[in-house]
Amino acid sequence: MPYFDVASAAPLHPVARQALLAALDEGWADPARLYREGRRARLLLDAARETAAEAVGCRPDELVFTPSGTRAVHAGIAGALAGRRRVGGHVVVSAVEHSSVLHAAEAHTRTGGEVTEVGVSRTGAVERGAFAAALRGDTALAALQSANHEVGTVQPVAEVAEACRAAGVPLLVDAAQSLLWGPVEGDWSLLAASAHKWGGPAG
């Protein structure tokens, strides 16, 4: 029977199921410890990190596991803003971002930050020029989803990332809806995703 709600969650992939069962059976120990069970847990964790990093398109040491895609988005935004607070408090987002991004942006404004929402076309896509025009000297972070979670519009991430790079602004990409189909193209800085949408276990 076909499954029509993969936009919300995908069935657990057989390889992910094997890795999860191995982690439950043999990876219960603290992976930071040097005793045998800890070393075994560390091997399983490192293998999972390498596999996920390959799917995402980053180095294993650049990948951080979080309990959910929302937590990944919030951690990415908070970390980037903290690291760039000397630059300024301006954030640029598209008007059709996932609620996790929009809520984080709203919380940022309550602490004195400023947010610019870039509008989209009738098909739900941002235009590179409009996004680039919203970037300023005090822009600390920009955020753009790779694909829309409601209408499926694929955003021009590579073009927007190029504009952000030229302006010296890091781009956070919410790739929860697209990693199932392959790595996100472009020179993005941060990427958030949710494994249960592309065959991994729920957080």
C-alpha atoms as a PDB file:
ATOM      1  CA  MET A   1       0.000   0.000   0.000  1.00  0.00           C
ATOM      2  CA  PRO A   2       1.465   3.405  -0.962  1.00  0.00           C
ATOM      3  CA  TYR A   3       2.196   5.959   1.730  1.00  0.00           C
ATOM      4  CA  PHE A   4       1.073   9.459   0.809  1.00  0.00           C
ATOM      5  CA  ASP A   5       2.307  11.543   3.756  1.00  0.00           C
ATOM      6  CA  VAL A   6       6.085  11.379   3.335  1.00  0.00           C
ATOM      7  CA  ALA A   7       6.136  15.185   3.675  1.00  0.00           C
ATOM      8  CA  SER A   8       5.349  14.639   7.348  1.00  0.00           C
ATOM      9  CA  ALA A   9       7.288  11.429   8.036  1.00  0.00           C
ATOM     10  CA  ALA A  10       8.757   8.612   5.959  1.00  0.00           C
ATOM     11  CA  PRO A  11       8.731   4.923   6.871  1.00  0.00           C
ATOM     12  CA  LEU A  12      11.848   3.731   8.677  1.00  0.00           C
ATOM     13  CA  HIS A  13      14.465   2.625   6.142  1.00  0.00           C
ATOM     14  CA  PRO A  14      15.624  -1.008   6.602  1.00  0.00           C
ATOM     15  CA  VAL A  15      19.259   0.067   7.089  1.00  0.00           C
ATOM     16  CA  ALA A  16      18.179   2.682   9.632  1.00  0.00           C
ATOM     17  CA  ARG A  17      16.186   0.002  11.432  1.00  0.00           C
ATOM     18  CA  GLN A  18      19.292  -2.212  11.629  1.00  0.00           C
ATOM     19  CA  ALA A  19      21.369   0.679  12.965  1.00  0.00           C
ATOM     20  CA  LEU A  20      18.691   1.548  15.518  1.00  0.00           C
ATOM     21  CA  LEU A  21      18.423  -2.037  16.766  1.00  0.00           C
ATOM     22  CA  ALA A  22      22.220  -2.292  16.990  1.00  0.00           C
ATOM     23  CA  ALA A  23      22.265   0.937  19.008  1.00  0.00           C
ATOM     24  CA  LEU A  24      19.588  -0.379  21.355  1.00  0.00           C
ATOM     25  CA  ASP A  25      21.362  -3.706  21.821  1.00  0.00           C
ATOM     26  CA  GLU A  26      25.017  -2.626  21.847  1.00  0.00           C
ATOM     27  CA  GLY A  27      25.102   1.165  22.009  1.00  0.00           C
ATOM     28  CA  TRP A  28      23.525   1.747  25.398  1.00  0.00           C
ATOM     29  CA  ALA A  29      26.754   2.824  27.118  1.00  0.00           C
ATOM     30  CA  ASP A  30      28.240   6.313  27.349  1.00  0.00           C
ATOM     31  CA  PRO A  31      30.260   6.795  24.106  1.00  0.00           C
ATOM     32  CA  ALA A  32      32.645   9.149  25.936  1.00  0.00           C
ATOM     33  CA  ARG A  33      33.879   6.343  28.218  1.00  0.00           C
ATOM     34  CA  LEU A  34      36.878   4.130  27.511  1.00  0.00           C
ATOM     35  CA  TYR A  35      35.549   0.808  28.772  1.00  0.00           C
ATOM     36  CA  ARG A  36      34.542  -1.800  26.178  1.00  0.00           C
ATOM     37  CA  GLU A  37      30.835  -1.009  26.025  1.00  0.00           C
ATOM     38  CA  GLY A  38      31.572   2.719  25.775  1.00  0.00           C
ATOM     39  CA  ARG A  39      33.995   2.172  22.893  1.00  0.00           C
ATOM     40  CA  ARG A  40      31.394   0.019  21.116  1.00  0.00           C
ATOM     41  CA  ALA A  41      28.787   2.764  21.550  1.00  0.00           C
ATOM     42  CA  ARG A  42      31.303   5.271  20.191  1.00  0.00           C
ATOM     43  CA  LEU A  43      31.886   3.161  17.076  1.00  0.00           C
ATOM     44  CA  LEU A  44      28.144   2.986  16.425  1.00  0.00           C
ATOM     45  CA  LEU A  45      27.750   6.730  16.971  1.00  0.00           C
ATOM     46  CA  ASP A  46      30.668   7.547  14.656  1.00  0.00           C
ATOM     47  CA  ALA A  47      29.285   5.244  11.952  1.00  0.00           C
ATOM     48  CA  ALA A  48      25.889   6.935  12.186  1.00  0.00           C
ATOM     49  CA  ARG A  49      27.510  10.376  12.051  1.00  0.00           C
ATOM     50  CA  GLU A  50      29.537   9.469   8.955  1.00  0.00           C
ATOM     51  CA  THR A  51      26.477   8.106   7.151  1.00  0.00           C
ATOM     52  CA  ALA A  52      24.356  11.146   8.005  1.00  0.00           C
ATOM     53  CA  ALA A  53      27.161  13.562   7.066  1.00  0.00           C
ATOM     54  CA  GLU A  54      27.480  11.935   3.663  1.00  0.00           C
ATOM     55  CA  ALA A  55      23.730  12.349   3.082  1.00  0.00           C
ATOM     56  CA  VAL A  56      23.819  15.990   4.197  1.00  0.00           C
ATOM     57  CA  GLY A  57      27.002  16.933   2.336  1.00  0.00           C
ATOM     58  CA  CYS A  58      29.261  17.932   5.226  1.00  0.00           C
ATOM     59  CA  ARG A  59      32.166  16.533   7.234  1.00  0.00           C
ATOM     60  CA  PRO A  60      31.301  14.185  10.122  1.00  0.00           C
ATOM     61  CA  ASP A  61      32.799  16.603  12.659  1.00  0.00           C
ATOM     62  CA  GLU A  62      30.458  19.336  11.388  1.00  0.00           C
ATOM     63  CA  LEU A  63      27.306  17.311  12.072  1.00  0.00           C
ATOM     64  CA  VAL A  64      25.379  17.601  15.340  1.00  0.00           C
ATOM     65  CA  PHE A  65      22.509  15.287  16.289  1.00  0.00           C
ATOM     66  CA  THR A  66      19.462  16.934  17.852  1.00  0.00           C
ATOM     67  CA  PRO A  67      16.128  15.480  19.031  1.00  0.00           C
ATOM     68  CA  SER A  68      14.161  17.081  16.169  1.00  0.00           C
ATOM     69  CA  GLY A  69      14.263  19.325  13.133  1.00  0.00           C
ATOM     70  CA  THR A  70      12.748  22.137  15.166  1.00  0.00           C
ATOM     71  CA  ARG A  71      15.521  21.836  17.741  1.00  0.00           C
ATOM     72  CA  ALA A  72      18.103  21.855  14.942  1.00  0.00           C
ATOM     73  CA  VAL A  73      16.616  25.053  13.503  1.00  0.00           C
ATOM     74  CA  HIS A  74      16.471  26.764  16.898  1.00  0.00           C
ATOM     75  CA  ALA A  75      20.025  25.733  17.785  1.00  0.00           C
ATOM     76  CA  GLY A  76      21.329  26.863  14.403  1.00  0.00           C
ATOM     77  CA  ILE A  77      19.649  30.247  14.593  1.00  0.00           C
ATOM     78  CA  ALA A  78      20.611  30.861  18.228  1.00  0.00           C
ATOM     79  CA  GLY A  79      24.200  29.789  17.638  1.00  0.00           C
ATOM     80  CA  ALA A  80      24.638  31.912  14.526  1.00  0.00           C
ATOM     81  CA  LEU A  81      23.122  34.991  16.159  1.00  0.00           C
ATOM     82  CA  ALA A  82      25.282  34.571  19.257  1.00  0.00           C
ATOM     83  CA  GLY A  83      28.400  34.191  17.141  1.00  0.00           C
ATOM     84  CA  ARG A  84      27.610  37.250  15.033  1.00  0.00           C
ATOM     85  CA  ARG A  85      26.132  39.632  17.594  1.00  0.00           C
ATOM     86  CA  ARG A  86      28.898  42.171  16.896  1.00  0.00           C
ATOM     87  CA  VAL A  87      27.761  42.325  13.269  1.00  0.00           C
ATOM     88  CA  GLY A  88      24.196  43.206  14.230  1.00  0.00           C
ATOM     89  CA  GLY A  89      20.788  41.822  15.039  1.00  0.00           C
ATOM     90  CA  HIS A  90      19.132  41.780  11.637  1.00  0.00           C
ATOM     91  CA  VAL A  91      17.770  38.497  10.238  1.00  0.00           C
ATOM     92  CA  VAL A  92      16.370  37.792   6.779  1.00  0.00           C
ATOM     93  CA  VAL A  93      13.859  34.971   6.203  1.00  0.00           C
ATOM     94  CA  SER A  94      11.447  34.059   3.446  1.00  0.00           C
ATOM     95  CA  ALA A  95       7.749  34.575   4.135  1.00  0.00           C
ATOM     96  CA  VAL A  96       7.026  30.857   3.680  1.00  0.00           C
ATOM     97  CA  GLU A  97       9.489  29.344   6.133  1.00  0.00           C
ATOM     98  CA  HIS A  98       8.503  26.515   8.447  1.00  0.00           C
ATOM     99  CA  SER A  99       6.926  27.694  11.705  1.00  0.00           C
ATOM    100  CA  SER A 100      10.094  26.713  13.610  1.00  0.00           C
ATOM    101  CA  VAL A 101      12.042  29.380  11.698  1.00  0.00           C
ATOM    102  CA  LEU A 102       9.298  31.992  11.888  1.00  0.00           C
ATOM    103  CA  HIS A 103       8.800  31.429  15.628  1.00  0.00           C
ATOM    104  CA  ALA A 104      12.546  31.722  16.239  1.00  0.00           C
ATOM    105  CA  ALA A 105      12.561  34.951  14.230  1.00  0.00           C
ATOM    106  CA  GLU A 106       9.595  36.253  16.239  1.00  0.00           C
ATOM    107  CA  ALA A 107      11.394  35.435  19.496  1.00  0.00           C
ATOM    108  CA  HIS A 108      14.437  37.303  18.160  1.00  0.00           C
ATOM    109  CA  THR A 109      12.375  40.453  17.652  1.00  0.00           C
ATOM    110  CA  ARG A 110      11.129  40.266  21.236  1.00  0.00           C
ATOM    111  CA  THR A 111      14.734  40.557  22.437  1.00  0.00           C
ATOM    112  CA  GLY A 112      15.430  43.626  20.303  1.00  0.00           C
ATOM    113  CA  GLY A 113      16.357  42.027  17.006  1.00  0.00           C
ATOM    114  CA  GLU A 114      14.985  42.947  13.615  1.00  0.00           C
ATOM    115  CA  VAL A 115      13.589  40.564  11.002  1.00  0.00           C
ATOM    116  CA  THR A 116      12.906  41.142   7.311  1.00  0.00           C
ATOM    117  CA  GLU A 117      10.562  38.720   5.553  1.00  0.00           C
ATOM    118  CA  VAL A 118      11.148  38.336   1.830  1.00  0.00           C
ATOM    119  CA  GLY A 119       7.967  37.778  -0.141  1.00  0.00           C
ATOM    120  CA  VAL A 120       7.498  35.008  -2.664  1.00  0.00           C
ATOM    121  CA  SER A 121       5.978  34.637  -6.122  1.00  0.00           C
ATOM    122  CA  ARG A 122       2.606  33.050  -6.853  1.00  0.00           C
ATOM    123  CA  THR A 123       4.367  29.689  -6.978  1.00  0.00           C
ATOM    124  CA  GLY A 124       5.868  30.209  -3.515  1.00  0.00           C
ATOM    125  CA  ALA A 125       9.455  30.850  -4.607  1.00  0.00           C
ATOM    126  CA  VAL A 126      11.716  33.697  -3.526  1.00  0.00           C
ATOM    127  CA  GLU A 127      13.653  35.677  -6.106  1.00  0.00           C
ATOM    128  CA  ARG A 128      17.398  35.957  -5.699  1.00  0.00           C
ATOM    129  CA  GLY A 129      17.321  39.728  -6.313  1.00  0.00           C
ATOM    130  CA  ALA A 130      14.662  40.355  -3.701  1.00  0.00           C
ATOM    131  CA  PHE A 131      16.486  38.226  -1.141  1.00  0.00           C
ATOM    132  CA  ALA A 132      19.814  39.921  -1.903  1.00  0.00           C
ATOM    133  CA  ALA A 133      18.187  43.356  -1.585  1.00  0.00           C
ATOM    134  CA  ALA A 134      17.033  42.504   1.938  1.00  0.00           C
ATOM    135  CA  LEU A 135      20.598  41.822   3.126  1.00  0.00           C
ATOM    136  CA  ARG A 136      22.245  44.687   4.999  1.00  0.00           C
ATOM    137  CA  GLY A 137      25.509  45.484   6.692  1.00  0.00           C
ATOM    138  CA  ASP A 138      24.037  44.500  10.051  1.00  0.00           C
ATOM    139  CA  THR A 139      22.469  41.249   8.816  1.00  0.00           C
ATOM    140  CA  ALA A 140      23.673  38.510  11.123  1.00  0.00           C
ATOM    141  CA  LEU A 141      21.851  35.591   9.495  1.00  0.00           C
ATOM    142  CA  ALA A 142      19.614  34.616   6.601  1.00  0.00           C
ATOM    143  CA  ALA A 143      17.333  31.579   6.478  1.00  0.00           C
ATOM    144  CA  LEU A 144      15.719  29.822   3.528  1.00  0.00           C
ATOM    145  CA  GLN A 145      14.007  26.455   3.272  1.00  0.00           C
ATOM    146  CA  SER A 146      15.160  24.191   0.451  1.00  0.00           C
ATOM    147  CA  ALA A 147      11.626  23.026  -0.351  1.00  0.00           C
ATOM    148  CA  ASN A 148       8.258  24.111   0.979  1.00  0.00           C
ATOM    149  CA  HIS A 149       6.534  21.692   3.321  1.00  0.00           C
ATOM    150  CA  GLU A 150       3.015  22.539   2.124  1.00  0.00           C
ATOM    151  CA  VAL A 151       3.098  23.216  -1.624  1.00  0.00           C
ATOM    152  CA  GLY A 152       6.417  21.588  -2.528  1.00  0.00           C
ATOM    153  CA  THR A 153       8.072  24.634  -4.106  1.00  0.00           C
ATOM    154  CA  VAL A 154      11.836  24.159  -4.473  1.00  0.00           C
ATOM    155  CA  GLN A 155      13.678  27.331  -3.522  1.00  0.00           C
ATOM    156  CA  PRO A 156      16.736  28.683  -5.400  1.00  0.00           C
ATOM    157  CA  VAL A 157      19.064  27.899  -2.498  1.00  0.00           C
ATOM    158  CA  ALA A 158      22.281  27.924  -4.544  1.00  0.00           C
ATOM    159  CA  GLU A 159      21.529  31.384  -5.978  1.00  0.00           C
ATOM    160  CA  VAL A 160      20.515  32.826  -2.610  1.00  0.00           C
ATOM    161  CA  ALA A 161      23.570  31.251  -0.962  1.00  0.00           C
ATOM    162  CA  GLU A 162      25.769  32.953  -3.553  1.00  0.00           C
ATOM    163  CA  ALA A 163      24.176  36.321  -2.759  1.00  0.00           C
ATOM    164  CA  CYS A 164      24.570  35.724   0.979  1.00  0.00           C
ATOM    165  CA  ARG A 165      28.204  34.699   0.567  1.00  0.00           C
ATOM    166  CA  ALA A 166      28.897  37.872  -1.435  1.00  0.00           C
ATOM    167  CA  ALA A 167      27.354  39.931   1.370  1.00  0.00           C
ATOM    168  CA  GLY A 168      29.253  38.024   4.073  1.00  0.00           C
ATOM    169  CA  VAL A 169      26.049  36.651   5.611  1.00  0.00           C
ATOM    170  CA  PRO A 170      25.708  33.001   6.666  1.00  0.00           C
ATOM    171  CA  LEU A 171      22.708  31.156   5.224  1.00  0.00           C
ATOM    172  CA  LEU A 172      20.795  28.608   7.284  1.00  0.00           C
ATOM    173  CA  VAL A 173      18.880  26.140   5.112  1.00  0.00           C
ATOM    174  CA  ASP A 174      15.930  24.163   6.468  1.00  0.00           C
ATOM    175  CA  ALA A 175      16.302  21.001   4.377  1.00  0.00           C
ATOM    176  CA  ALA A 176      13.794  18.832   6.219  1.00  0.00           C
ATOM    177  CA  GLN A 177      11.657  18.395   3.111  1.00  0.00           C
ATOM    178  CA  SER A 178      14.417  17.812   0.562  1.00  0.00           C
ATOM    179  CA  LEU A 179      17.156  15.586   1.966  1.00  0.00           C
ATOM    180  CA  LEU A 180      15.135  12.524   0.995  1.00  0.00           C
ATOM    181  CA  TRP A 181      15.849  13.508  -2.615  1.00  0.00           C
ATOM    182  CA  GLY A 182      19.555  14.343  -2.267  1.00  0.00           C
ATOM    183  CA  PRO A 183      22.057  16.862  -0.839  1.00  0.00           C
ATOM    184  CA  VAL A 184      21.260  20.575  -0.954  1.00  0.00           C
ATOM    185  CA  GLU A 185      23.212  22.380  -3.653  1.00  0.00           C
ATOM    186  CA  GLY A 186      24.963  25.667  -3.027  1.00  0.00           C
ATOM    187  CA  ASP A 187      27.436  27.260  -0.638  1.00  0.00           C
ATOM    188  CA  TRP A 188      25.173  27.344   2.428  1.00  0.00           C
ATOM    189  CA  SER A 189      26.606  27.786   5.925  1.00  0.00           C
ATOM    190  CA  LEU A 190      24.196  25.883   8.195  1.00  0.00           C
ATOM    191  CA  LEU A 191      21.690  23.168   7.405  1.00  0.00           C
ATOM    192  CA  ALA A 192      18.916  21.722   9.551  1.00  0.00           C
ATOM    193  CA  ALA A 193      16.987  18.534   8.840  1.00  0.00           C
ATOM    194  CA  SER A 194      14.846  15.893  10.481  1.00  0.00           C
ATOM    195  CA  ALA A 195      15.830  12.245  10.017  1.00  0.00           C
ATOM    196  CA  HIS A 196      12.313  10.850  10.297  1.00  0.00           C
ATOM    197  CA  LYS A 197      11.416  12.625   7.048  1.00  0.00           C
ATOM    198  CA  TRP A 198      14.050  10.680   5.092  1.00  0.00           C
ATOM    199  CA  GLY A 199      13.986   7.209   6.562  1.00  0.00           C
ATOM    200  CA  GLY A 200      15.488   7.692  10.004  1.00  0.00           C
ATOM    201  CA  PRO A 201      13.852   7.184  13.403  1.00  0.00           C
ATOM    202  CA  ALA A 202      11.711   9.884  14.968  1.00  0.00           C
ATOM    203  CA  GLY A 203      13.410  12.076  17.550  1.00  0.00           C
END
